[in-house]
Amino acid sequence: MSIRGGISRGLTACIGVLAVVAALCQGVGPAASAPAVTGSKQITDRLSIIYVYSPSMNRVIGNQVLRPAGNSAGAPTSTSSTAKGVGPKATVG
């Protein structure tokens, strides 16, 4: 699997999660723009940062995506996420 294929899978997973979150949040509070992937940055062959605009925080949040070693064949992997941007000085990049 190429690096570009790994990034593409990571972006697809992030967009899928964002779509679910956006669907669950509809009808809550005033109308706001939806979360959106604004960019990505490849740090190493396994580590990328995916930047997502958060309308609730009104800023872009960097989310680290770490792919497992030895996954060159593109085998499916498990996914987990953490709440980046929580706290006064939590920034990435």
Protein backbone atom coordinates (compact mmCIF):
# COMPACT_ATOMS: atom_id res chain seq x y z
CA MET A 1 0.00 0.00 0.00
CA SER A 2 1.32 3.43 -0.83
CA ILE A 3 1.54 6.27 1.65
CA ARG A 4 -1.09 8.13 -0.33
CA GLY A 5 -3.44 5.14 0.02
CA GLY A 6 -2.96 5.18 3.81
CA ILE A 7 -3.72 8.88 4.00
CA SER A 8 -6.76 8.37 1.80
CA ARG A 9 -8.07 5.63 4.11
CA GLY A 10 -7.41 7.84 7.14
CA LEU A 11 -9.26 10.77 5.59
CA THR A 12 -12.14 8.52 4.61
CA ALA A 13 -12.41 7.23 8.18
CA CYS A 14 -12.30 10.77 9.61
CA ILE A 15 -14.94 12.01 7.19
CA GLY A 16 -17.15 9.03 8.08
CA VAL A 17 -16.86 9.79 11.80
CA LEU A 18 -17.57 13.46 11.17
CA ALA A 19 -20.66 12.59 9.12
CA VAL A 20 -22.03 10.48 11.98
CA VAL A 21 -21.32 13.22 14.52
CA ALA A 22 -22.94 15.84 12.29
CA ALA A 23 -26.03 13.63 11.82
CA LEU A 24 -26.36 13.12 15.57
CA CYS A 25 -26.04 16.86 16.29
CA GLN A 26 -28.70 18.07 13.86
CA GLY A 27 -31.48 19.92 15.55
CA VAL A 28 -29.39 20.77 18.61
CA GLY A 29 -29.05 24.52 19.12
CA PRO A 30 -28.88 27.14 16.38
CA ALA A 31 -27.89 26.17 12.86
CA ALA A 32 -24.12 25.99 12.49
CA SER A 33 -21.72 24.87 9.83
CA ALA A 34 -20.76 21.21 9.82
CA PRO A 35 -17.36 19.88 10.86
CA ALA A 36 -15.03 19.58 7.89
CA VAL A 37 -11.58 18.20 7.11
CA THR A 38 -9.46 21.22 6.22
CA GLY A 39 -6.14 19.53 5.52
CA SER A 40 -3.64 16.84 6.34
CA LYS A 41 0.09 16.65 6.98
CA GLN A 42 2.22 13.50 6.67
CA ILE A 43 4.76 13.43 9.52
CA THR A 44 6.24 9.93 9.04
CA ASP A 45 5.24 6.87 7.05
CA ARG A 46 2.93 5.89 9.96
CA LEU A 47 1.95 9.25 11.48
CA SER A 48 -0.27 11.89 9.92
CA ILE A 49 -2.14 14.87 11.28
CA ILE A 50 -5.66 15.44 9.96
CA TYR A 51 -6.97 18.98 10.53
CA VAL A 52 -10.71 19.26 11.17
CA TYR A 53 -12.71 22.48 11.62
CA SER A 54 -14.88 22.28 14.73
CA PRO A 55 -17.88 24.64 14.57
CA SER A 56 -18.57 24.16 18.29
CA MET A 57 -15.05 25.38 19.17
CA ASN A 58 -14.88 27.71 16.16
CA ARG A 59 -11.36 26.58 15.30
CA VAL A 60 -9.35 23.92 13.50
CA ILE A 61 -8.25 20.92 15.58
CA GLY A 62 -5.29 18.71 14.64
CA ASN A 63 -5.99 14.99 15.06
CA GLN A 64 -3.07 12.56 15.03
CA VAL A 65 -3.59 9.41 12.97
CA LEU A 66 -1.15 6.58 13.72
CA ARG A 67 -1.24 3.57 11.44
CA PRO A 68 0.12 0.22 12.67
CA ALA A 69 3.57 -0.91 11.55
CA GLY A 70 3.73 -3.53 8.83
CA ASN A 71 0.36 -2.70 7.31
CA SER A 72 1.71 -2.29 3.80
CA ALA A 73 -0.98 -4.53 2.29
CA GLY A 74 -3.73 -2.15 3.42
CA ALA A 75 -5.37 -4.64 5.74
CA PRO A 76 -8.26 -3.23 7.78
CA THR A 77 -7.22 -1.90 11.17
CA SER A 78 -9.07 -0.84 14.28
CA THR A 79 -9.66 2.84 14.89
CA SER A 80 -9.80 4.84 18.09
CA SER A 81 -10.08 8.51 18.75
CA THR A 82 -9.38 10.92 21.56
CA ALA A 83 -10.73 14.37 22.31
CA LYS A 84 -8.06 16.67 20.95
CA GLY A 85 -8.35 20.32 21.75
CA VAL A 86 -9.79 19.80 25.23
CA GLY A 87 -8.20 22.17 27.70
CA PRO A 88 -6.71 25.63 27.44
CA LYS A 89 -3.39 24.73 25.78
CA ALA A 90 -4.05 21.48 23.93
CA THR A 91 -2.71 22.05 20.41
CA VAL A 92 -1.11 19.87 17.77
CA GLY A 93 1.54 20.97 15.30
